[in-house]
Amino acid sequence: QIIKMIASQKIIDNWAKEKGITQKDEVQHDFKHLIEEVSLDNLVDKVHEDQLSPEKIDKWEVQKYYDANKEKYKDKAFSEVEAEIRNILAEEKDKSFFPEYIEKLKKNAALNVNYELLKVAEPTETEMRSYYEKNKEKYFQPEKIKIVEIMINITGSEDEARNKANEASTKINSGENFKDVAKRYSNGTQFEAYYVSKGESKFSFEDKMFQLQVNEVSQILKDGDSFYIFKVEEKQNKRMKTFGEALIEVKAEVAKEIEDRQYELRKNEALFSIHGKTFTLGEFKEEFRELSPETQAQFASFEAKKRLIEEFIAKELLLEETGDEASELEKGQEIEELKNQYITQILHKEEIDEKIKEATDEEAMRFYTENKEDFIDPPKALISIIRIEAGTTDAAKSSAKQSVEAALKKLKEGADFSTIAKEYSSDATATLGGEYNEWIYDDSHLDPILQKNIFELQENEISEVFEYEEGYYIIKVRQKQEKKQRTFEEVKEEIKEALLDEKHHVREAELEEELLKQSQLIIYDSSLKRLIKDQTKPE
């Protein structure tokens, strides 16, 4: 296996060379960033060790802090708190050190910055209107409805939740105000109407919502662990946004086009220079393109880009401080490993991720039909408990047994379980009247003692006293649900994810075999065994 692993990396290297992966500009660029990141990490570690570790704090600074905080340390000698104070001062120094350190580097860097290169002319109304007319298809507003909802969560029995939804629906259909019914029945907090755009809602039954007419109330609809009832208050058809409505989007697009043109024309001009080494506008643009769309939006304005340039300058100044370390690192084992990981990720993306397809509904349905038994929820119950610690001595056990039997006697005489739990139980649930509010499932993970004493009971039935894990118990089943077959719709996405994962593993195995065959790898077991034997011979 070890030999195969070593060979696999060599095979991946060969694949990358054949495909010309390592010669691509973007890959070389990323390799450069890998080296820079490791160099900066090493520099930060070195600075911390040399100047910011608690041990580097002068003793007189520690003494000064101690003297200034005598009220805080009045009962403690200096020697007792010296280490603590060193850590406090090191942390404080760390907060201000690097900004001050970079400002110091700037003063000695012969730094020149031409921020004016970043300035871009504001789009004119003529340019924006022209862009809007040419790109109207970008500015469609999807069909929208304004709805008010009732959401009823399935916290216990599904039948119980559905009955509650039926009650709400009956009241609405008999003429009661929808919002008044929502306030009495809904578990949600959304009582005011809100807009939903077609294709953007969170609901699986979106099509049914958009089929409703104004003032029409939906049937009871189920999504996940909740039932819903909707009323449509307003409908807006799909339409083209006016120029005024689309102005913000249009302005951003036109400004970006102007910026791209200007930056391309002036890409070779120096944006800043450090000790004569220039960083061009084109290089800045390349770095900017690597940022996520969200980050690019944050740095879209001139002032924001100036702040970004400050960050780039700080990075370049720190890289200068690493000296020859970066060139040495490039040859080192750490960088080799990082490059190998990067190439392996590219291989994975091109030969696996891009070659497997998402599972279809048909594939998911076939899997569901063939494995329906795997999608059965086991029986489950909500319980309340009374637990009395048994103790470790015979006397303690006897006392506990008497207490629990007294509790059971009162329950059999008709006492309220919650009241008795608060009086007798030593369990953490005692203050809640013994209520344990998580479902207990009748599956292979459940202890047989609990299985017998819970699932042989009916709803509202109370168990006899039983001993379990150093305590005496009485259990009441508050609610019970029999096993239930999950529907295809409930598990479809889960199945698709599992099928995609399976395709992924299959393609991985196929690729490994393909690469090994192409490499014509032969492992000579006898030679390997002889080598190991020679290495383990006593001298």
Protein backbone atom coordinates (compact mmCIF):
# COMPACT_ATOMS: atom_id res chain seq x y z
CA GLN A 1 0.00 0.00 0.00
CA ILE A 2 2.83 2.43 0.86
CA ILE A 3 4.53 1.71 -2.47
CA LYS A 4 1.22 2.27 -4.28
CA MET A 5 0.76 5.61 -2.50
CA ILE A 6 4.24 6.77 -3.53
CA ALA A 7 3.62 5.56 -7.08
CA SER A 8 0.20 7.25 -7.18
CA GLN A 9 1.75 10.65 -6.52
CA LYS A 10 4.26 10.06 -9.33
CA ILE A 11 1.42 9.02 -11.63
CA ILE A 12 -0.53 12.19 -10.76
CA ASP A 13 2.59 14.27 -11.50
CA ASN A 14 2.88 12.58 -14.91
CA TRP A 15 -0.83 13.23 -15.61
CA ALA A 16 -0.34 16.92 -14.76
CA LYS A 17 2.68 17.17 -17.08
CA GLU A 18 0.88 15.44 -19.97
CA LYS A 19 -2.10 17.79 -19.60
CA GLY A 20 0.20 20.82 -19.24
CA ILE A 21 -1.46 21.65 -15.92
CA THR A 22 1.63 22.96 -14.17
CA GLN A 23 2.46 25.29 -17.08
CA LYS A 24 -0.88 27.10 -16.99
CA ASP A 25 -0.62 30.73 -15.88
CA GLU A 26 -3.34 30.38 -13.25
CA VAL A 27 -1.63 27.33 -11.72
CA GLN A 28 1.78 29.06 -11.63
CA HIS A 29 0.01 32.04 -10.06
CA ASP A 30 -1.54 29.81 -7.39
CA PHE A 31 1.83 28.13 -6.72
CA LYS A 32 3.28 31.61 -6.14
CA HIS A 33 0.51 32.32 -3.63
CA LEU A 34 1.19 29.03 -1.84
CA ILE A 35 4.81 30.01 -1.32
CA GLU A 36 3.81 33.52 -0.21
CA GLU A 37 1.28 32.21 2.32
CA VAL A 38 3.76 29.80 3.87
CA SER A 39 6.42 32.54 3.95
CA LEU A 40 4.05 34.95 5.69
CA ASP A 41 2.95 32.29 8.18
CA ASN A 42 6.58 31.56 8.99
CA LEU A 43 7.35 35.27 9.36
CA VAL A 44 4.40 35.81 11.71
CA ASP A 45 5.47 32.77 13.78
CA LYS A 46 9.04 34.07 13.94
CA VAL A 47 7.94 37.59 14.98
CA HIS A 48 5.71 36.10 17.66
CA GLU A 49 8.54 33.97 18.96
CA ASP A 50 11.14 36.78 18.85
CA GLN A 51 9.08 39.75 20.03
CA LEU A 52 5.55 38.84 21.13
CA SER A 53 5.90 35.76 23.31
CA PRO A 54 5.16 36.28 27.03
CA GLU A 55 8.80 35.42 27.85
CA LYS A 56 9.97 38.45 25.79
CA ILE A 57 8.06 40.96 27.92
CA ASP A 58 10.54 42.97 30.06
CA LYS A 59 10.26 42.32 33.77
CA TRP A 60 9.95 46.05 34.51
CA GLU A 61 6.78 46.14 32.29
CA VAL A 62 5.33 43.25 34.26
CA GLN A 63 6.19 45.00 37.55
CA LYS A 64 4.66 48.25 36.29
CA TYR A 65 1.38 46.48 35.40
CA TYR A 66 1.37 44.72 38.79
CA ASP A 67 1.87 48.02 40.64
CA ALA A 68 -0.91 49.70 38.62
CA ASN A 69 -3.34 46.88 39.42
CA LYS A 70 -2.59 46.30 43.10
CA GLU A 71 -6.30 46.33 43.94
CA LYS A 72 -6.81 43.41 41.56
CA TYR A 73 -3.81 41.48 42.94
CA LYS A 74 -3.89 42.66 46.57
CA ASP A 75 -3.87 39.14 48.03
CA LYS A 76 -1.26 37.73 45.65
CA ALA A 77 2.52 38.06 45.54
CA PHE A 78 4.23 39.26 42.34
CA SER A 79 5.71 35.82 41.71
CA GLU A 80 2.23 34.23 41.81
CA VAL A 81 0.81 36.41 39.05
CA GLU A 82 3.88 37.15 36.92
CA ALA A 83 3.03 34.51 34.28
CA GLU A 84 -0.59 35.72 34.06
CA ILE A 85 0.51 39.35 33.61
CA ARG A 86 3.04 38.37 30.94
CA ASN A 87 0.22 36.70 28.95
CA ILE A 88 -2.01 39.79 29.33
CA LEU A 89 0.74 42.16 28.15
CA ALA A 90 1.74 39.87 25.27
CA GLU A 91 -1.89 39.80 24.09
CA GLU A 92 -2.18 43.60 24.29
CA LYS A 93 1.11 44.05 22.43
CA ASP A 94 -0.04 41.62 19.74
CA LYS A 95 -3.11 43.79 18.94
CA SER A 96 -1.11 46.88 18.06
CA PHE A 97 2.20 45.35 16.98
CA PHE A 98 1.58 44.52 13.30
CA PRO A 99 -0.13 47.81 12.30
CA GLU A 100 2.78 49.69 13.91
CA TYR A 101 5.29 47.25 12.38
CA ILE A 102 3.86 47.79 8.88
CA GLU A 103 3.84 51.60 9.29
CA LYS A 104 7.52 51.36 10.23
CA LEU A 105 8.23 49.26 7.12
CA LYS A 106 6.39 51.79 4.94
CA LYS A 107 8.61 54.64 6.14
CA ASN A 108 11.74 52.73 5.05
CA ALA A 109 10.32 51.34 1.80
CA ALA A 110 10.64 54.27 -0.63
CA LEU A 111 6.91 53.69 -1.20
CA ASN A 112 5.11 55.39 -4.09
CA VAL A 113 1.38 54.88 -4.66
CA ASN A 114 -0.70 56.23 -7.57
CA TYR A 115 -4.26 55.92 -6.26
CA GLU A 116 -5.53 58.06 -9.16
CA LEU A 117 -5.16 55.03 -11.44
CA LEU A 118 -8.06 53.42 -9.59
CA LYS A 119 -10.47 56.28 -10.28
CA VAL A 120 -13.16 55.57 -12.87
CA ALA A 121 -15.54 58.07 -14.42
CA GLU A 122 -19.16 57.81 -13.27
CA PRO A 123 -21.50 56.29 -15.90
CA THR A 124 -23.59 58.90 -17.71
CA GLU A 125 -27.36 58.54 -18.06
CA THR A 126 -26.92 58.09 -21.82
CA GLU A 127 -24.50 55.17 -21.27
CA MET A 128 -26.80 53.57 -18.72
CA ARG A 129 -29.95 53.92 -20.86
CA SER A 130 -28.09 52.49 -23.85
CA TYR A 131 -26.93 49.51 -21.77
CA TYR A 132 -30.45 48.97 -20.42
CA GLU A 133 -31.98 48.93 -23.91
CA LYS A 134 -29.39 46.43 -25.17
CA ASN A 135 -29.72 44.14 -22.12
CA LYS A 136 -33.41 44.31 -21.20
CA GLU A 137 -33.60 40.52 -20.90
CA LYS A 138 -31.46 40.77 -17.73
CA TYR A 139 -34.05 42.88 -15.97
CA PHE A 140 -37.16 40.76 -15.86
CA GLN A 141 -39.02 40.73 -12.56
CA PRO A 142 -40.34 37.20 -11.93
CA GLU A 143 -43.97 36.47 -11.14
CA LYS A 144 -44.72 37.42 -7.52
CA ILE A 145 -47.49 36.75 -5.04
CA LYS A 146 -48.19 38.41 -1.73
CA ILE A 147 -49.23 35.81 0.84
CA VAL A 148 -50.14 35.40 4.48
CA GLU A 149 -49.54 32.01 6.08
CA ILE A 150 -50.45 29.67 8.92
CA MET A 151 -47.68 27.26 9.89
CA ILE A 152 -48.41 24.32 12.21
CA ASN A 153 -45.35 22.37 13.35
CA ILE A 154 -45.44 18.58 13.74
CA THR A 155 -43.88 18.38 17.19
CA GLY A 156 -45.62 15.20 18.27
CA SER A 157 -48.17 13.12 16.41
CA GLU A 158 -48.62 14.03 12.74
CA ASP A 159 -52.35 13.28 13.09
CA GLU A 160 -52.57 15.75 15.98
CA ALA A 161 -50.91 18.48 13.90
CA ARG A 162 -53.16 17.73 10.90
CA ASN A 163 -56.26 17.92 13.12
CA LYS A 164 -55.11 21.35 14.30
CA ALA A 165 -54.63 22.42 10.66
CA ASN A 166 -58.09 21.08 9.79
CA GLU A 167 -59.59 23.13 12.63
CA ALA A 168 -57.90 26.28 11.35
CA SER A 169 -59.00 25.57 7.77
CA THR A 170 -62.62 25.00 8.87
CA LYS A 171 -62.70 28.32 10.74
CA ILE A 172 -61.33 30.19 7.70
CA ASN A 173 -63.81 28.51 5.34
CA SER A 174 -66.66 29.42 7.71
CA GLY A 175 -65.80 33.10 7.31
CA GLU A 176 -63.38 33.91 10.15
CA ASN A 177 -60.62 36.42 9.37
CA PHE A 178 -57.47 34.62 8.12
CA LYS A 179 -55.04 36.69 10.21
CA ASP A 180 -57.11 36.21 13.39
CA VAL A 181 -57.05 32.44 12.86
CA ALA A 182 -53.30 32.61 12.15
CA LYS A 183 -52.65 34.34 15.48
CA ARG A 184 -54.51 31.58 17.35
CA TYR A 185 -53.21 28.54 15.46
CA SER A 186 -49.88 29.34 13.78
CA ASN A 187 -46.56 28.31 15.35
CA GLY A 188 -44.76 30.84 13.17
CA THR A 189 -44.08 34.50 13.88
CA GLN A 190 -44.95 35.73 10.35
CA PHE A 191 -48.48 37.13 10.70
CA GLU A 192 -48.12 39.93 8.16
CA ALA A 193 -48.31 39.34 4.40
CA TYR A 194 -45.04 39.03 2.47
CA TYR A 195 -43.95 38.68 -1.17
CA VAL A 196 -42.69 35.45 -2.73
CA SER A 197 -41.02 35.40 -6.17
CA LYS A 198 -41.52 32.39 -8.42
CA GLY A 199 -38.49 30.12 -8.37
CA GLU A 200 -37.15 31.66 -5.17
CA SER A 201 -39.43 30.30 -2.45
CA LYS A 202 -38.35 27.77 0.18
CA PHE A 203 -41.43 25.58 -0.30
CA SER A 204 -41.59 22.29 -2.23
CA PHE A 205 -45.20 23.05 -3.23
CA GLU A 206 -44.43 26.41 -4.86
CA ASP A 207 -46.42 25.54 -8.03
CA LYS A 208 -49.60 25.06 -5.99
CA MET A 209 -49.13 28.44 -4.33
CA PHE A 210 -48.83 30.24 -7.68
CA GLN A 211 -51.99 28.53 -9.00
CA LEU A 212 -54.08 30.32 -6.35
CA GLN A 213 -56.10 33.40 -7.28
CA VAL A 214 -56.30 36.64 -5.27
CA ASN A 215 -58.17 36.09 -1.95
CA GLU A 216 -58.14 32.32 -2.50
CA VAL A 217 -57.06 30.11 0.41
CA SER A 218 -54.95 27.00 -0.19
CA GLN A 219 -55.66 23.49 0.91
CA ILE A 220 -53.57 22.17 3.81
CA LEU A 221 -50.04 21.64 2.40
CA LYS A 222 -47.17 19.74 4.01
CA ASP A 223 -43.51 20.68 3.74
CA GLY A 224 -40.88 19.03 5.96
CA ASP A 225 -42.12 18.90 9.56
CA SER A 226 -44.91 21.45 9.18
CA PHE A 227 -48.38 21.91 7.69
CA TYR A 228 -49.20 25.20 5.94
CA ILE A 229 -52.27 27.14 4.87
CA PHE A 230 -51.82 30.18 2.59
CA LYS A 231 -53.97 33.02 1.43
CA VAL A 232 -52.99 35.07 -1.64
CA GLU A 233 -53.59 38.81 -1.19
CA GLU A 234 -51.98 40.07 -4.41
CA LYS A 235 -50.51 38.73 -7.67
CA GLN A 236 -47.95 40.37 -9.96
CA ASN A 237 -47.23 38.88 -13.38
CA LYS A 238 -43.74 38.47 -14.76
CA ARG A 239 -42.69 41.77 -16.32
CA MET A 240 -39.80 43.87 -17.49
CA LYS A 241 -38.40 46.24 -14.87
CA THR A 242 -38.48 49.90 -15.89
CA PHE A 243 -35.20 51.76 -16.31
CA GLY A 244 -35.81 53.47 -12.97
CA GLU A 245 -36.43 50.16 -11.17
CA ALA A 246 -33.29 48.61 -12.67
CA LEU A 247 -31.11 51.73 -12.28
CA ILE A 248 -28.92 50.45 -9.40
CA GLU A 249 -28.17 47.17 -11.21
CA VAL A 250 -27.58 48.94 -14.55
CA LYS A 251 -25.24 51.50 -12.98
CA ALA A 252 -23.13 48.76 -11.38
CA GLU A 253 -22.85 46.84 -14.67
CA VAL A 254 -21.92 49.92 -16.72
CA ALA A 255 -19.41 51.08 -14.09
CA LYS A 256 -17.77 47.65 -14.23
CA GLU A 257 -17.52 47.81 -18.03
CA ILE A 258 -15.93 51.29 -17.87
CA GLU A 259 -13.53 50.08 -15.16
CA ASP A 260 -12.52 46.99 -17.17
CA ARG A 261 -11.81 49.09 -20.27
CA GLN A 262 -9.79 51.69 -18.37
CA TYR A 263 -7.82 49.11 -16.40
CA GLU A 264 -7.04 47.19 -19.60
CA LEU A 265 -5.77 50.35 -21.33
CA ARG A 266 -3.55 51.29 -18.36
CA LYS A 267 -2.67 47.78 -17.15
CA ASN A 268 1.10 48.28 -17.48
CA GLU A 269 1.21 51.48 -15.41
CA ALA A 270 2.63 51.28 -11.89
CA LEU A 271 0.01 51.35 -9.15
CA PHE A 272 2.62 51.29 -6.42
CA SER A 273 6.31 50.60 -6.03
CA ILE A 274 8.40 49.40 -3.10
CA HIS A 275 12.18 49.88 -3.26
CA GLY A 276 11.79 50.30 -7.03
CA LYS A 277 9.80 47.06 -7.51
CA THR A 278 6.52 47.93 -9.25
CA PHE A 279 3.07 46.46 -8.85
CA THR A 280 1.00 47.33 -11.95
CA LEU A 281 -2.68 48.06 -12.36
CA GLY A 282 -2.95 44.87 -14.43
CA GLU A 283 -1.52 42.82 -11.57
CA PHE A 284 -4.00 44.44 -9.19
CA LYS A 285 -6.85 43.55 -11.56
CA GLU A 286 -5.74 39.91 -11.69
CA GLU A 287 -5.64 39.73 -7.88
CA PHE A 288 -9.02 41.46 -7.68
CA ARG A 289 -10.61 38.91 -10.03
CA GLU A 290 -9.59 36.12 -7.65
CA LEU A 291 -11.75 37.56 -4.89
CA SER A 292 -15.26 36.18 -4.41
CA PRO A 293 -18.12 38.19 -6.04
CA GLU A 294 -19.26 39.22 -2.55
CA THR A 295 -15.80 40.55 -1.65
CA GLN A 296 -15.48 42.31 -5.03
CA ALA A 297 -18.78 44.08 -4.31
CA GLN A 298 -17.44 45.24 -0.93
CA PHE A 299 -14.40 46.80 -2.64
CA ALA A 300 -16.23 48.26 -5.65
CA SER A 301 -15.87 51.95 -4.69
CA PHE A 302 -12.72 54.04 -5.09
CA GLU A 303 -12.27 54.46 -1.31
CA ALA A 304 -12.72 50.74 -0.71
CA LYS A 305 -10.16 49.91 -3.40
CA LYS A 306 -7.69 52.27 -1.71
CA ARG A 307 -8.09 50.21 1.48
CA LEU A 308 -7.51 47.04 -0.53
CA ILE A 309 -4.32 48.49 -2.01
CA GLU A 310 -3.14 49.20 1.56
CA GLU A 311 -3.62 45.50 2.31
CA PHE A 312 -1.64 44.49 -0.80
CA ILE A 313 1.16 46.90 0.16
CA ALA A 314 1.28 45.44 3.69
CA LYS A 315 1.53 41.94 2.22
CA GLU A 316 4.37 42.93 -0.14
CA LEU A 317 6.27 44.66 2.67
CA LEU A 318 5.99 41.58 4.88
CA LEU A 319 7.09 39.33 1.99
CA GLU A 320 10.17 41.52 1.57
CA GLU A 321 10.96 40.87 5.22
CA THR A 322 11.07 37.13 4.55
CA GLY A 323 14.19 37.77 2.43
CA ASP A 324 15.52 34.66 0.69
CA GLU A 325 13.23 32.41 2.68
CA ALA A 326 10.60 32.29 -0.11
CA SER A 327 13.12 31.02 -2.70
CA GLU A 328 14.38 28.43 -0.22
CA LEU A 329 10.83 27.41 0.63
CA GLU A 330 10.06 26.78 -3.05
CA LYS A 331 12.52 23.91 -2.94
CA GLY A 332 11.33 22.59 0.43
CA GLN A 333 9.28 19.55 1.34
CA GLU A 334 6.38 21.61 2.76
CA ILE A 335 5.80 23.44 -0.53
CA GLU A 336 6.17 20.22 -2.53
CA GLU A 337 3.43 18.64 -0.45
CA LEU A 338 1.15 21.66 -0.88
CA LYS A 339 1.74 21.66 -4.65
CA ASN A 340 0.98 17.93 -4.77
CA GLN A 341 -2.28 18.50 -2.86
CA TYR A 342 -3.21 21.29 -5.27
CA ILE A 343 -2.52 19.16 -8.37
CA THR A 344 -4.50 16.28 -6.83
CA GLN A 345 -7.47 18.66 -6.36
CA ILE A 346 -7.28 19.65 -10.05
CA LEU A 347 -7.16 15.96 -11.05
CA HIS A 348 -10.14 15.29 -8.81
CA LYS A 349 -12.13 18.17 -10.33
CA GLU A 350 -11.35 17.40 -13.98
CA GLU A 351 -11.43 13.60 -13.92
CA ILE A 352 -14.10 12.96 -11.26
CA ASP A 353 -16.33 15.94 -10.38
CA GLU A 354 -16.77 17.07 -14.00
CA LYS A 355 -17.39 13.53 -15.30
CA ILE A 356 -20.12 12.38 -12.93
CA LYS A 357 -23.71 13.55 -13.28
CA GLU A 358 -26.26 14.42 -10.64
CA ALA A 359 -28.64 11.58 -9.80
CA THR A 360 -31.98 11.89 -11.63
CA ASP A 361 -35.44 11.60 -10.10
CA GLU A 362 -35.82 8.28 -11.94
CA GLU A 363 -32.62 6.88 -10.40
CA ALA A 364 -33.71 8.07 -6.96
CA MET A 365 -37.18 6.51 -7.37
CA ARG A 366 -35.64 3.19 -8.47
CA PHE A 367 -33.38 3.17 -5.40
CA TYR A 368 -36.32 4.08 -3.15
CA THR A 369 -38.51 1.29 -4.59
CA GLU A 370 -35.74 -1.31 -4.19
CA ASN A 371 -34.86 -0.21 -0.62
CA LYS A 372 -38.17 0.96 0.87
CA GLU A 373 -37.49 -0.91 4.10
CA ASP A 374 -34.51 1.39 4.74
CA PHE A 375 -36.85 4.38 4.84
CA ILE A 376 -39.11 3.29 7.65
CA ASP A 377 -39.03 5.40 10.80
CA PRO A 378 -39.13 3.09 13.84
CA PRO A 379 -41.81 3.42 16.54
CA LYS A 380 -41.16 6.36 18.86
CA ALA A 381 -42.47 7.74 22.14
CA LEU A 382 -42.44 10.86 24.28
CA ILE A 383 -42.09 10.00 27.96
CA SER A 384 -42.05 11.45 31.45
CA ILE A 385 -39.84 9.90 34.12
CA ILE A 386 -39.42 9.64 37.85
CA ARG A 387 -35.92 8.57 38.81
CA ILE A 388 -34.65 8.04 42.34
CA GLU A 389 -30.90 7.51 42.88
CA ALA A 390 -30.34 4.01 44.30
CA GLY A 391 -27.22 4.91 46.28
CA THR A 392 -24.27 2.63 47.00
CA THR A 393 -25.13 1.16 50.40
CA ASP A 394 -27.86 -1.33 51.23
CA ALA A 395 -29.53 1.23 53.49
CA ALA A 396 -29.57 3.85 50.72
CA LYS A 397 -30.99 1.36 48.22
CA SER A 398 -33.71 0.32 50.66
CA SER A 399 -34.67 3.95 51.30
CA ALA A 400 -34.74 4.70 47.54
CA LYS A 401 -36.90 1.64 46.89
CA GLN A 402 -39.39 2.73 49.56
CA SER A 403 -39.57 6.24 48.05
CA VAL A 404 -40.17 5.04 44.51
CA GLU A 405 -42.83 2.57 45.64
CA ALA A 406 -44.56 5.35 47.60
CA ALA A 407 -44.52 7.48 44.43
CA LEU A 408 -45.98 4.61 42.37
CA LYS A 409 -48.72 4.04 44.98
CA LYS A 410 -49.79 7.69 44.73
CA LEU A 411 -49.81 7.50 40.93
CA LYS A 412 -52.00 4.40 41.01
CA GLU A 413 -54.37 6.25 43.31
CA GLY A 414 -54.77 8.91 40.61
CA ALA A 415 -52.17 11.54 41.54
CA ASP A 416 -50.85 13.79 38.77
CA PHE A 417 -47.56 12.43 37.34
CA SER A 418 -46.02 15.91 37.02
CA THR A 419 -46.74 16.71 40.69
CA ILE A 420 -45.29 13.39 41.91
CA ALA A 421 -42.17 13.83 39.70
CA LYS A 422 -41.51 17.24 41.25
CA GLU A 423 -41.94 15.78 44.73
CA TYR A 424 -39.95 12.54 44.42
CA SER A 425 -37.67 12.54 41.34
CA SER A 426 -33.93 13.27 41.61
CA ASP A 427 -33.59 13.47 37.82
CA ALA A 428 -32.79 16.76 36.03
CA THR A 429 -36.29 16.65 34.51
CA ALA A 430 -37.96 16.89 37.95
CA THR A 431 -38.52 20.66 37.67
CA LEU A 432 -40.34 20.01 34.36
CA GLY A 433 -42.65 17.49 35.99
CA GLY A 434 -40.49 14.64 34.66
CA GLU A 435 -41.09 15.54 31.01
CA TYR A 436 -38.34 14.31 28.69
CA ASN A 437 -38.96 16.23 25.47
CA GLU A 438 -36.97 14.25 22.93
CA TRP A 439 -38.38 11.29 21.03
CA ILE A 440 -37.23 7.85 22.20
CA TYR A 441 -36.87 5.50 19.21
CA ASP A 442 -37.49 1.76 19.35
CA ASP A 443 -34.38 0.75 17.45
CA SER A 444 -31.22 -1.31 17.94
CA HIS A 445 -29.55 1.49 19.93
CA LEU A 446 -32.14 1.39 22.72
CA ASP A 447 -31.30 -0.61 25.84
CA PRO A 448 -33.59 -3.70 26.11
CA ILE A 449 -34.67 -2.67 29.65
CA LEU A 450 -35.90 0.71 28.38
CA GLN A 451 -37.39 -0.88 25.26
CA LYS A 452 -39.52 -3.23 27.38
CA ASN A 453 -40.62 -0.58 29.89
CA ILE A 454 -41.49 2.06 27.31
CA PHE A 455 -42.83 0.35 24.21
CA GLU A 456 -44.99 -2.23 25.95
CA LEU A 457 -47.00 0.67 27.41
CA GLN A 458 -49.90 2.44 25.74
CA GLU A 459 -50.33 6.24 25.65
CA ASN A 460 -50.90 7.70 29.16
CA GLU A 461 -50.03 4.34 30.75
CA ILE A 462 -47.55 4.22 33.66
CA SER A 463 -44.90 1.51 34.12
CA GLU A 464 -44.13 -0.47 37.23
CA VAL A 465 -40.94 0.37 39.15
CA PHE A 466 -37.80 -0.95 37.42
CA GLU A 467 -34.10 -0.67 38.13
CA TYR A 468 -31.76 0.82 35.53
CA GLU A 469 -28.25 2.33 35.73
CA GLU A 470 -28.04 2.76 39.52
CA GLY A 471 -31.53 4.19 39.90
CA TYR A 472 -35.17 3.22 40.30
CA TYR A 473 -37.53 4.42 37.55
CA ILE A 474 -41.20 4.95 36.81
CA ILE A 475 -42.10 5.92 33.24
CA LYS A 476 -45.22 7.42 31.74
CA VAL A 477 -45.76 7.34 27.97
CA ARG A 478 -47.27 10.69 27.01
CA GLN A 479 -47.38 10.08 23.28
CA LYS A 480 -46.63 7.20 20.96
CA GLN A 481 -46.22 6.80 17.20
CA GLU A 482 -46.06 3.51 15.35
CA LYS A 483 -43.44 2.87 12.68
CA LYS A 484 -43.98 4.94 9.56
CA GLN A 485 -42.95 4.57 5.92
CA ARG A 486 -41.31 7.80 4.74
CA THR A 487 -42.59 8.98 1.35
CA PHE A 488 -40.37 9.34 -1.72
CA GLU A 489 -40.74 13.13 -1.63
CA GLU A 490 -39.53 13.20 1.96
CA VAL A 491 -36.32 11.29 1.16
CA LYS A 492 -35.70 12.19 -2.51
CA GLU A 493 -32.91 14.72 -1.90
CA GLU A 494 -31.28 12.46 0.70
CA ILE A 495 -31.25 9.58 -1.84
CA LYS A 496 -29.88 11.79 -4.63
CA GLU A 497 -27.03 12.90 -2.39
CA ALA A 498 -26.23 9.27 -1.49
CA LEU A 499 -26.32 8.19 -5.16
CA LEU A 500 -24.02 11.04 -6.17
CA ASP A 501 -21.64 10.04 -3.38
CA GLU A 502 -21.70 6.46 -4.66
CA LYS A 503 -20.97 7.60 -8.24
CA HIS A 504 -18.11 9.64 -6.83
CA HIS A 505 -16.56 6.60 -5.11
CA VAL A 506 -17.01 4.41 -8.21
CA ARG A 507 -15.37 7.01 -10.46
CA GLU A 508 -12.51 7.40 -7.96
CA ALA A 509 -11.81 3.66 -8.07
CA GLU A 510 -12.04 3.60 -11.87
CA LEU A 511 -9.62 6.52 -12.18
CA GLU A 512 -7.12 4.88 -9.85
CA GLU A 513 -7.19 1.72 -12.00
CA GLU A 514 -6.90 3.73 -15.23
CA LEU A 515 -3.86 5.65 -13.99
CA LEU A 516 -2.17 2.54 -12.63
CA LYS A 517 -2.67 0.72 -15.96
CA GLN A 518 -1.35 3.68 -17.93
CA SER A 519 1.74 3.78 -15.71
CA GLN A 520 2.37 0.02 -16.20
CA LEU A 521 3.25 -0.13 -12.51
CA ILE A 522 4.82 -3.41 -11.41
CA ILE A 523 5.59 -4.08 -7.75
CA TYR A 524 8.18 -6.82 -7.30
CA ASP A 525 7.02 -8.41 -4.04
CA SER A 526 10.05 -10.68 -3.72
CA SER A 527 12.48 -7.77 -4.07
CA LEU A 528 10.46 -5.72 -1.60
CA LYS A 529 10.42 -8.55 0.95
CA ARG A 530 14.18 -9.07 0.55
CA LEU A 531 14.79 -5.32 1.04
CA ILE A 532 12.68 -5.27 4.22
CA LYS A 533 14.45 -8.39 5.49
CA ASP A 534 17.87 -6.81 4.87
CA GLN A 535 16.80 -3.63 6.65
CA THR A 536 15.62 -5.53 9.73
CA LYS A 537 18.71 -7.75 10.10
CA PRO A 538 20.52 -7.16 13.41
CA GLU A 539 23.94 -5.58 12.98
